[in-house]
Amino acid sequence: MKITHIISGLDRGGAENVLFRLIGAQPNPSMHSVISLTDEGIFGERLRALGVEVHCLGLRRGGPTSPLVIFSLSLKLRQKRPDAVQTWMYHADLLGGIAARLAGIPVCWGIHHSNLSPEHNKRTTLLVAKACSWLSLIIPSKIISCSHRSVDVHLGLGYADKFQVIPNGLNISDYKPLTPDLRNNIRKSLNISFDCKIIGHIGRAEPLKDHSTLFATFAKIAEICPEAVLLLAGSGLHAGDEYYENIISV
């Protein structure tokens, strides 16, 4: 079965990583192709190394989109004739969904968002999400979501009840406990005592990651366990970064 995936971009991000892992776990990754609305980011080359055909449309992030993009995308799908199209995230759901329907190819939307509050989202994102709610009755055959919370949020926005929840998966064989030597070397390099309890968190500087709640929770943990350490990993989380400084000052 040939599947074409349409995604907003292929730079570092959760949905992009899930797409890469999903294709990489297939018996024959070359049966999949990927179309990025923007550029190939960090995953384009990695996907090609798996034998996956990757196309980039080069659209500017946040910029206006010509209706000709939809027709061009639809023509590309007609030429490739995949058995199904899987779209990832709102902009790809909208543009890729319409293009797939015009090409007469079944399309499945992918929605991973679970917070559509105006203070945490761009106005354009909310507009596209709302447009998708109107089109959800006629465009997708199915809508894949990674959580029941996400389903509830989008049903509340008016999306058609076509959801199937498939949690994000990890191949746990890729993760192994650290050897004592490696563990001690990492702690030493970070100047963390060997007997400290470490809580790790991975996530970029983004209000939706809710670092403020994480900090408030850790403050309570530190009262009970003073030797505990909170270890953050993510862009924009260094001393001097505006997002980071605003959080720690609260």
C-alpha atoms as a PDB file:
ATOM      1  CA  MET A   1       0.000   0.000   0.000  1.00  0.00           C
ATOM      2  CA  LYS A   2       1.447   3.345  -1.092  1.00  0.00           C
ATOM      3  CA  ILE A   3       0.910   6.256   1.296  1.00  0.00           C
ATOM      4  CA  THR A   4       1.824   9.900   0.770  1.00  0.00           C
ATOM      5  CA  HIS A   5       2.284  11.961   3.923  1.00  0.00           C
ATOM      6  CA  ILE A   6       1.756  15.725   3.756  1.00  0.00           C
ATOM      7  CA  ILE A   7       3.181  17.730   6.651  1.00  0.00           C
ATOM      8  CA  SER A   8       3.687  21.418   7.374  1.00  0.00           C
ATOM      9  CA  GLY A   9       7.460  21.023   7.697  1.00  0.00           C
ATOM     10  CA  LEU A  10      10.223  18.585   8.571  1.00  0.00           C
ATOM     11  CA  ASP A  11      12.168  20.541  11.134  1.00  0.00           C
ATOM     12  CA  ARG A  12      12.652  19.425  14.747  1.00  0.00           C
ATOM     13  CA  GLY A  13       9.264  18.801  16.402  1.00  0.00           C
ATOM     14  CA  GLY A  14       6.986  16.206  17.938  1.00  0.00           C
ATOM     15  CA  ALA A  15       4.788  15.366  14.943  1.00  0.00           C
ATOM     16  CA  GLU A  16       7.797  15.377  12.621  1.00  0.00           C
ATOM     17  CA  ASN A  17       9.605  12.931  14.885  1.00  0.00           C
ATOM     18  CA  VAL A  18       6.544  10.666  15.086  1.00  0.00           C
ATOM     19  CA  LEU A  19       6.286  10.650  11.279  1.00  0.00           C
ATOM     20  CA  PHE A  20       9.955   9.693  10.934  1.00  0.00           C
ATOM     21  CA  ARG A  21       9.686   6.901  13.514  1.00  0.00           C
ATOM     22  CA  LEU A  22       6.475   5.597  11.973  1.00  0.00           C
ATOM     23  CA  ILE A  23       7.927   5.320   8.475  1.00  0.00           C
ATOM     24  CA  GLY A  24      11.202   3.936   9.790  1.00  0.00           C
ATOM     25  CA  ALA A  25       9.350   1.114  11.545  1.00  0.00           C
ATOM     26  CA  GLN A  26       7.668  -0.059   8.322  1.00  0.00           C
ATOM     27  CA  PRO A  27       8.852  -3.233   6.538  1.00  0.00           C
ATOM     28  CA  ASN A  28       9.278  -1.238   3.332  1.00  0.00           C
ATOM     29  CA  PRO A  29       9.697   2.512   3.994  1.00  0.00           C
ATOM     30  CA  SER A  30      10.026   3.197   0.255  1.00  0.00           C
ATOM     31  CA  MET A  31       6.283   2.579  -0.090  1.00  0.00           C
ATOM     32  CA  HIS A  32       5.856   5.915   1.676  1.00  0.00           C
ATOM     33  CA  SER A  33       6.515   9.376   0.259  1.00  0.00           C
ATOM     34  CA  VAL A  34       6.527  12.707   2.087  1.00  0.00           C
ATOM     35  CA  ILE A  35       5.543  16.181   0.921  1.00  0.00           C
ATOM     36  CA  SER A  36       6.612  19.091   3.117  1.00  0.00           C
ATOM     37  CA  LEU A  37       4.733  22.341   2.630  1.00  0.00           C
ATOM     38  CA  THR A  38       7.853  24.301   3.614  1.00  0.00           C
ATOM     39  CA  ASP A  39      11.387  22.842   3.669  1.00  0.00           C
ATOM     40  CA  GLU A  40      13.080  19.550   4.495  1.00  0.00           C
ATOM     41  CA  GLY A  41      14.350  20.632   7.922  1.00  0.00           C
ATOM     42  CA  ILE A  42      16.383  17.978   9.718  1.00  0.00           C
ATOM     43  CA  PHE A  43      14.252  14.999   8.730  1.00  0.00           C
ATOM     44  CA  GLY A  44      14.323  15.297   4.934  1.00  0.00           C
ATOM     45  CA  GLU A  45      17.778  13.790   4.584  1.00  0.00           C
ATOM     46  CA  ARG A  46      17.028  11.124   7.205  1.00  0.00           C
ATOM     47  CA  LEU A  47      13.893  10.062   5.352  1.00  0.00           C
ATOM     48  CA  ARG A  48      15.743   9.856   2.041  1.00  0.00           C
ATOM     49  CA  ALA A  49      18.298   7.613   3.727  1.00  0.00           C
ATOM     50  CA  LEU A  50      15.400   5.206   4.396  1.00  0.00           C
ATOM     51  CA  GLY A  51      14.532   5.195   0.686  1.00  0.00           C
ATOM     52  CA  VAL A  52      11.619   7.618   1.079  1.00  0.00           C
ATOM     53  CA  GLU A  53      10.845  10.107  -1.688  1.00  0.00           C
ATOM     54  CA  VAL A  54      10.701  13.629  -0.224  1.00  0.00           C
ATOM     55  CA  HIS A  55       9.305  16.732  -1.937  1.00  0.00           C
ATOM     56  CA  CYS A  56       9.398  20.275  -0.503  1.00  0.00           C
ATOM     57  CA  LEU A  57       7.036  22.995  -1.738  1.00  0.00           C
ATOM     58  CA  GLY A  58       9.056  25.836  -0.194  1.00  0.00           C
ATOM     59  CA  LEU A  59       6.116  27.807   1.190  1.00  0.00           C
ATOM     60  CA  ARG A  60       7.027  30.614   3.582  1.00  0.00           C
ATOM     61  CA  ARG A  61       5.972  29.966   7.162  1.00  0.00           C
ATOM     62  CA  GLY A  62       3.236  32.336   8.222  1.00  0.00           C
ATOM     63  CA  GLY A  63       2.942  33.802   4.740  1.00  0.00           C
ATOM     64  CA  PRO A  64      -0.117  33.879   2.461  1.00  0.00           C
ATOM     65  CA  THR A  65      -0.862  30.766   0.425  1.00  0.00           C
ATOM     66  CA  SER A  66      -2.031  30.996  -3.161  1.00  0.00           C
ATOM     67  CA  PRO A  67      -4.918  28.717  -4.227  1.00  0.00           C
ATOM     68  CA  LEU A  68      -2.568  27.578  -6.997  1.00  0.00           C
ATOM     69  CA  VAL A  69      -0.615  25.671  -4.335  1.00  0.00           C
ATOM     70  CA  ILE A  70      -3.616  23.399  -3.772  1.00  0.00           C
ATOM     71  CA  PHE A  71      -4.000  22.676  -7.483  1.00  0.00           C
ATOM     72  CA  SER A  72      -0.275  22.069  -7.863  1.00  0.00           C
ATOM     73  CA  LEU A  73      -0.353  19.704  -4.893  1.00  0.00           C
ATOM     74  CA  SER A  74      -3.404  17.946  -6.282  1.00  0.00           C
ATOM     75  CA  LEU A  75      -1.642  17.468  -9.632  1.00  0.00           C
ATOM     76  CA  LYS A  76       1.381  15.964  -7.864  1.00  0.00           C
ATOM     77  CA  LEU A  77      -0.905  13.521  -6.037  1.00  0.00           C
ATOM     78  CA  ARG A  78      -2.611  12.560  -9.307  1.00  0.00           C
ATOM     79  CA  GLN A  79       0.804  11.781 -10.771  1.00  0.00           C
ATOM     80  CA  LYS A  80       1.913   9.719  -7.775  1.00  0.00           C
ATOM     81  CA  ARG A  81      -1.474   7.973  -7.304  1.00  0.00           C
ATOM     82  CA  PRO A  82      -0.954   6.799  -3.706  1.00  0.00           C
ATOM     83  CA  ASP A  83      -3.589   4.537  -2.178  1.00  0.00           C
ATOM     84  CA  ALA A  84      -4.114   7.036   0.632  1.00  0.00           C
ATOM     85  CA  VAL A  85      -2.920  10.420   1.884  1.00  0.00           C
ATOM     86  CA  GLN A  86      -2.065  11.080   5.538  1.00  0.00           C
ATOM     87  CA  THR A  87      -1.829  14.734   6.550  1.00  0.00           C
ATOM     88  CA  TRP A  88      -0.093  16.046   9.661  1.00  0.00           C
ATOM     89  CA  MET A  89      -1.120  19.219  11.535  1.00  0.00           C
ATOM     90  CA  TYR A  90      -3.685  21.885  10.675  1.00  0.00           C
ATOM     91  CA  HIS A  91      -2.146  23.612   7.659  1.00  0.00           C
ATOM     92  CA  ALA A  92      -1.354  20.288   5.983  1.00  0.00           C
ATOM     93  CA  ASP A  93      -4.817  18.993   6.932  1.00  0.00           C
ATOM     94  CA  LEU A  94      -6.386  21.981   5.174  1.00  0.00           C
ATOM     95  CA  LEU A  95      -4.230  22.262   2.042  1.00  0.00           C
ATOM     96  CA  GLY A  96      -3.370  18.576   1.704  1.00  0.00           C
ATOM     97  CA  GLY A  97      -6.913  17.504   2.501  1.00  0.00           C
ATOM     98  CA  ILE A  98      -8.470  19.649  -0.216  1.00  0.00           C
ATOM     99  CA  ALA A  99      -5.772  18.626  -2.715  1.00  0.00           C
ATOM    100  CA  ALA A 100      -6.295  14.917  -1.993  1.00  0.00           C
ATOM    101  CA  ARG A 101     -10.058  15.201  -2.409  1.00  0.00           C
ATOM    102  CA  LEU A 102      -9.606  17.017  -5.727  1.00  0.00           C
ATOM    103  CA  ALA A 103      -7.311  14.182  -6.814  1.00  0.00           C
ATOM    104  CA  GLY A 104      -9.899  11.590  -5.777  1.00  0.00           C
ATOM    105  CA  ILE A 105      -7.626  10.007  -3.137  1.00  0.00           C
ATOM    106  CA  PRO A 106      -8.847   9.080   0.376  1.00  0.00           C
ATOM    107  CA  VAL A 107      -7.304  11.283   3.038  1.00  0.00           C
ATOM    108  CA  CYS A 108      -6.778  10.804   6.752  1.00  0.00           C
ATOM    109  CA  TRP A 109      -6.120  13.867   8.891  1.00  0.00           C
ATOM    110  CA  GLY A 110      -3.622  13.875  11.752  1.00  0.00           C
ATOM    111  CA  ILE A 111      -4.360  16.097  14.756  1.00  0.00           C
ATOM    112  CA  HIS A 112      -2.077  16.176  17.807  1.00  0.00           C
ATOM    113  CA  HIS A 113      -3.027  19.524  19.334  1.00  0.00           C
ATOM    114  CA  SER A 114      -4.972  19.605  22.607  1.00  0.00           C
ATOM    115  CA  ASN A 115      -4.955  23.294  23.545  1.00  0.00           C
ATOM    116  CA  LEU A 116      -6.631  25.876  21.324  1.00  0.00           C
ATOM    117  CA  SER A 117      -6.675  28.779  23.769  1.00  0.00           C
ATOM    118  CA  PRO A 118      -6.005  32.188  22.120  1.00  0.00           C
ATOM    119  CA  GLU A 119      -3.196  33.018  24.555  1.00  0.00           C
ATOM    120  CA  HIS A 120      -1.233  29.918  23.539  1.00  0.00           C
ATOM    121  CA  ASN A 121      -1.816  29.891  19.771  1.00  0.00           C
ATOM    122  CA  LYS A 122      -1.279  32.189  16.815  1.00  0.00           C
ATOM    123  CA  ARG A 123      -4.393  33.735  15.326  1.00  0.00           C
ATOM    124  CA  THR A 124      -3.666  32.086  11.969  1.00  0.00           C
ATOM    125  CA  THR A 125      -3.448  28.663  13.644  1.00  0.00           C
ATOM    126  CA  LEU A 126      -6.849  29.151  15.257  1.00  0.00           C
ATOM    127  CA  LEU A 127      -8.358  30.297  11.945  1.00  0.00           C
ATOM    128  CA  VAL A 128      -7.003  27.260  10.103  1.00  0.00           C
ATOM    129  CA  ALA A 129      -8.189  24.930  12.886  1.00  0.00           C
ATOM    130  CA  LYS A 130     -11.678  26.433  12.629  1.00  0.00           C
ATOM    131  CA  ALA A 131     -11.689  26.135   8.824  1.00  0.00           C
ATOM    132  CA  CYS A 132     -10.757  22.465   9.225  1.00  0.00           C
ATOM    133  CA  SER A 133     -13.707  21.981  11.591  1.00  0.00           C
ATOM    134  CA  TRP A 134     -16.085  23.163   8.849  1.00  0.00           C
ATOM    135  CA  LEU A 135     -14.451  20.911   6.257  1.00  0.00           C
ATOM    136  CA  SER A 136     -14.161  17.865   8.520  1.00  0.00           C
ATOM    137  CA  LEU A 137     -17.597  16.649   7.394  1.00  0.00           C
ATOM    138  CA  ILE A 138     -16.533  16.260   3.767  1.00  0.00           C
ATOM    139  CA  ILE A 139     -12.712  16.060   3.543  1.00  0.00           C
ATOM    140  CA  PRO A 140     -11.233  13.322   5.753  1.00  0.00           C
ATOM    141  CA  SER A 141     -12.319   9.698   5.861  1.00  0.00           C
ATOM    142  CA  LYS A 142     -10.732   9.434   9.318  1.00  0.00           C
ATOM    143  CA  ILE A 143      -9.045  11.754  11.808  1.00  0.00           C
ATOM    144  CA  ILE A 144      -6.147  10.300  13.786  1.00  0.00           C
ATOM    145  CA  SER A 145      -5.421  11.818  17.178  1.00  0.00           C
ATOM    146  CA  CYS A 146      -2.839  10.860  19.792  1.00  0.00           C
ATOM    147  CA  SER A 147      -5.024  11.507  22.848  1.00  0.00           C
ATOM    148  CA  HIS A 148      -8.624  11.485  24.053  1.00  0.00           C
ATOM    149  CA  ARG A 149      -8.087  15.027  25.356  1.00  0.00           C
ATOM    150  CA  SER A 150      -7.338  16.186  21.810  1.00  0.00           C
ATOM    151  CA  VAL A 151     -10.513  14.486  20.551  1.00  0.00           C
ATOM    152  CA  ASP A 152     -12.648  16.225  23.187  1.00  0.00           C
ATOM    153  CA  VAL A 153     -11.173  19.634  22.365  1.00  0.00           C
ATOM    154  CA  HIS A 154     -11.837  19.285  18.632  1.00  0.00           C
ATOM    155  CA  LEU A 155     -15.313  17.843  19.010  1.00  0.00           C
ATOM    156  CA  GLY A 156     -16.040  20.924  21.098  1.00  0.00           C
ATOM    157  CA  LEU A 157     -14.828  23.083  18.207  1.00  0.00           C
ATOM    158  CA  GLY A 158     -17.310  21.410  15.862  1.00  0.00           C
ATOM    159  CA  TYR A 159     -15.205  18.712  14.200  1.00  0.00           C
ATOM    160  CA  ALA A 160     -17.042  15.711  12.785  1.00  0.00           C
ATOM    161  CA  ASP A 161     -16.874  12.608  14.955  1.00  0.00           C
ATOM    162  CA  LYS A 162     -14.466  10.663  12.740  1.00  0.00           C
ATOM    163  CA  PHE A 163     -11.700  10.321  15.327  1.00  0.00           C
ATOM    164  CA  GLN A 164      -9.509   7.319  16.002  1.00  0.00           C
ATOM    165  CA  VAL A 165      -7.129   7.605  18.951  1.00  0.00           C
ATOM    166  CA  ILE A 166      -3.680   6.109  18.335  1.00  0.00           C
ATOM    167  CA  PRO A 167      -1.222   7.028  21.119  1.00  0.00           C
ATOM    168  CA  ASN A 168       2.302   7.995  20.132  1.00  0.00           C
ATOM    169  CA  GLY A 169       4.534   4.936  20.401  1.00  0.00           C
ATOM    170  CA  LEU A 170       8.187   4.372  21.180  1.00  0.00           C
ATOM    171  CA  ASN A 171      10.393   1.391  20.497  1.00  0.00           C
ATOM    172  CA  ILE A 172      11.596   0.812  24.049  1.00  0.00           C
ATOM    173  CA  SER A 173      14.415  -1.407  22.788  1.00  0.00           C
ATOM    174  CA  ASP A 174      16.107   1.826  21.654  1.00  0.00           C
ATOM    175  CA  TYR A 175      16.405   2.953  25.265  1.00  0.00           C
ATOM    176  CA  LYS A 176      18.678   1.225  27.750  1.00  0.00           C
ATOM    177  CA  PRO A 177      19.703   2.107  31.324  1.00  0.00           C
ATOM    178  CA  LEU A 178      22.945   4.037  31.585  1.00  0.00           C
ATOM    179  CA  THR A 179      25.997   2.163  32.688  1.00  0.00           C
ATOM    180  CA  PRO A 180      27.311   3.333  36.098  1.00  0.00           C
ATOM    181  CA  ASP A 181      30.383   4.891  34.469  1.00  0.00           C
ATOM    182  CA  LEU A 182      28.380   6.802  31.869  1.00  0.00           C
ATOM    183  CA  ARG A 183      25.883   7.921  34.516  1.00  0.00           C
ATOM    184  CA  ASN A 184      28.653   9.244  36.745  1.00  0.00           C
ATOM    185  CA  ASN A 185      30.435  10.959  33.843  1.00  0.00           C
ATOM    186  CA  ILE A 186      27.254  12.776  32.818  1.00  0.00           C
ATOM    187  CA  ARG A 187      26.588  13.919  36.378  1.00  0.00           C
ATOM    188  CA  LYS A 188      30.172  15.091  36.715  1.00  0.00           C
ATOM    189  CA  SER A 189      30.014  17.050  33.450  1.00  0.00           C
ATOM    190  CA  LEU A 190      26.848  18.785  34.687  1.00  0.00           C
ATOM    191  CA  ASN A 191      28.278  19.372  38.160  1.00  0.00           C
ATOM    192  CA  ILE A 192      25.468  17.349  39.746  1.00  0.00           C
ATOM    193  CA  SER A 193      26.175  15.355  42.898  1.00  0.00           C
ATOM    194  CA  PHE A 194      26.076  11.563  42.533  1.00  0.00           C
ATOM    195  CA  ASP A 195      23.400  11.210  45.229  1.00  0.00           C
ATOM    196  CA  CYS A 196      20.996  13.853  43.857  1.00  0.00           C
ATOM    197  CA  LYS A 197      17.558  12.876  42.577  1.00  0.00           C
ATOM    198  CA  ILE A 198      17.180  14.176  39.025  1.00  0.00           C
ATOM    199  CA  ILE A 199      13.902  14.999  37.292  1.00  0.00           C
ATOM    200  CA  GLY A 200      14.383  15.487  33.559  1.00  0.00           C
ATOM    201  CA  HIS A 201      12.146  17.410  31.174  1.00  0.00           C
ATOM    202  CA  ILE A 202      12.540  17.763  27.410  1.00  0.00           C
ATOM    203  CA  GLY A 203      10.650  20.523  25.623  1.00  0.00           C
ATOM    204  CA  ARG A 204      11.432  23.761  23.807  1.00  0.00           C
ATOM    205  CA  ALA A 205      10.588  27.261  25.042  1.00  0.00           C
ATOM    206  CA  GLU A 206       6.892  27.285  24.241  1.00  0.00           C
ATOM    207  CA  PRO A 207       3.917  28.267  26.457  1.00  0.00           C
ATOM    208  CA  LEU A 208       2.084  25.071  25.479  1.00  0.00           C
ATOM    209  CA  LYS A 209       4.875  23.096  27.192  1.00  0.00           C
ATOM    210  CA  ASP A 210       3.705  24.732  30.443  1.00  0.00           C
ATOM    211  CA  HIS A 211       7.092  25.118  32.123  1.00  0.00           C
ATOM    212  CA  SER A 212       5.506  27.431  34.700  1.00  0.00           C
ATOM    213  CA  THR A 213       3.454  24.543  36.132  1.00  0.00           C
ATOM    214  CA  LEU A 214       6.534  22.320  36.002  1.00  0.00           C
ATOM    215  CA  PHE A 215       8.514  24.875  38.023  1.00  0.00           C
ATOM    216  CA  ALA A 216       5.709  25.315  40.550  1.00  0.00           C
ATOM    217  CA  THR A 217       5.445  21.547  40.983  1.00  0.00           C
ATOM    218  CA  PHE A 218       9.193  21.135  41.369  1.00  0.00           C
ATOM    219  CA  ALA A 219       9.241  23.831  44.044  1.00  0.00           C
ATOM    220  CA  LYS A 220       6.927  21.614  46.135  1.00  0.00           C
ATOM    221  CA  ILE A 221       9.119  18.569  45.433  1.00  0.00           C
ATOM    222  CA  ALA A 222      12.201  20.510  46.524  1.00  0.00           C
ATOM    223  CA  GLU A 223      10.562  21.235  49.886  1.00  0.00           C
ATOM    224  CA  ILE A 224      10.272  17.494  50.511  1.00  0.00           C
ATOM    225  CA  CYS A 225      13.519  16.485  48.793  1.00  0.00           C
ATOM    226  CA  PRO A 226      15.993  19.400  48.954  1.00  0.00           C
ATOM    227  CA  GLU A 227      18.675  17.456  47.081  1.00  0.00           C
ATOM    228  CA  ALA A 228      16.441  17.090  43.995  1.00  0.00           C
ATOM    229  CA  VAL A 229      17.555  18.675  40.707  1.00  0.00           C
ATOM    230  CA  LEU A 230      15.387  19.695  37.754  1.00  0.00           C
ATOM    231  CA  LEU A 231      17.209  19.146  34.456  1.00  0.00           C
ATOM    232  CA  LEU A 232      15.778  20.936  31.410  1.00  0.00           C
ATOM    233  CA  ALA A 233      16.620  20.253  27.768  1.00  0.00           C
ATOM    234  CA  GLY A 234      15.234  22.398  24.952  1.00  0.00           C
ATOM    235  CA  SER A 235      15.934  25.449  22.822  1.00  0.00           C
ATOM    236  CA  GLY A 236      15.261  28.797  24.468  1.00  0.00           C
ATOM    237  CA  LEU A 237      15.827  27.515  28.001  1.00  0.00           C
ATOM    238  CA  HIS A 238      19.163  29.130  28.810  1.00  0.00           C
ATOM    239  CA  ALA A 239      19.911  31.950  31.221  1.00  0.00           C
ATOM    240  CA  GLY A 240      19.349  35.182  29.324  1.00  0.00           C
ATOM    241  CA  ASP A 241      16.592  33.803  27.071  1.00  0.00           C
ATOM    242  CA  GLU A 242      13.442  35.908  27.489  1.00  0.00           C
ATOM    243  CA  TYR A 243      11.082  32.931  27.868  1.00  0.00           C
ATOM    244  CA  TYR A 244      13.281  31.299  30.526  1.00  0.00           C
ATOM    245  CA  GLU A 245      13.845  34.517  32.484  1.00  0.00           C
ATOM    246  CA  ASN A 246      10.101  35.276  32.541  1.00  0.00           C
ATOM    247  CA  ILE A 247       9.321  31.827  33.958  1.00  0.00           C
ATOM    248  CA  ILE A 248      11.883  31.832  36.757  1.00  0.00           C
ATOM    249  CA  SER A 249      10.878  35.357  37.792  1.00  0.00           C
ATOM    250  CA  VAL A 250       7.267  34.327  38.459  1.00  0.00           C
END
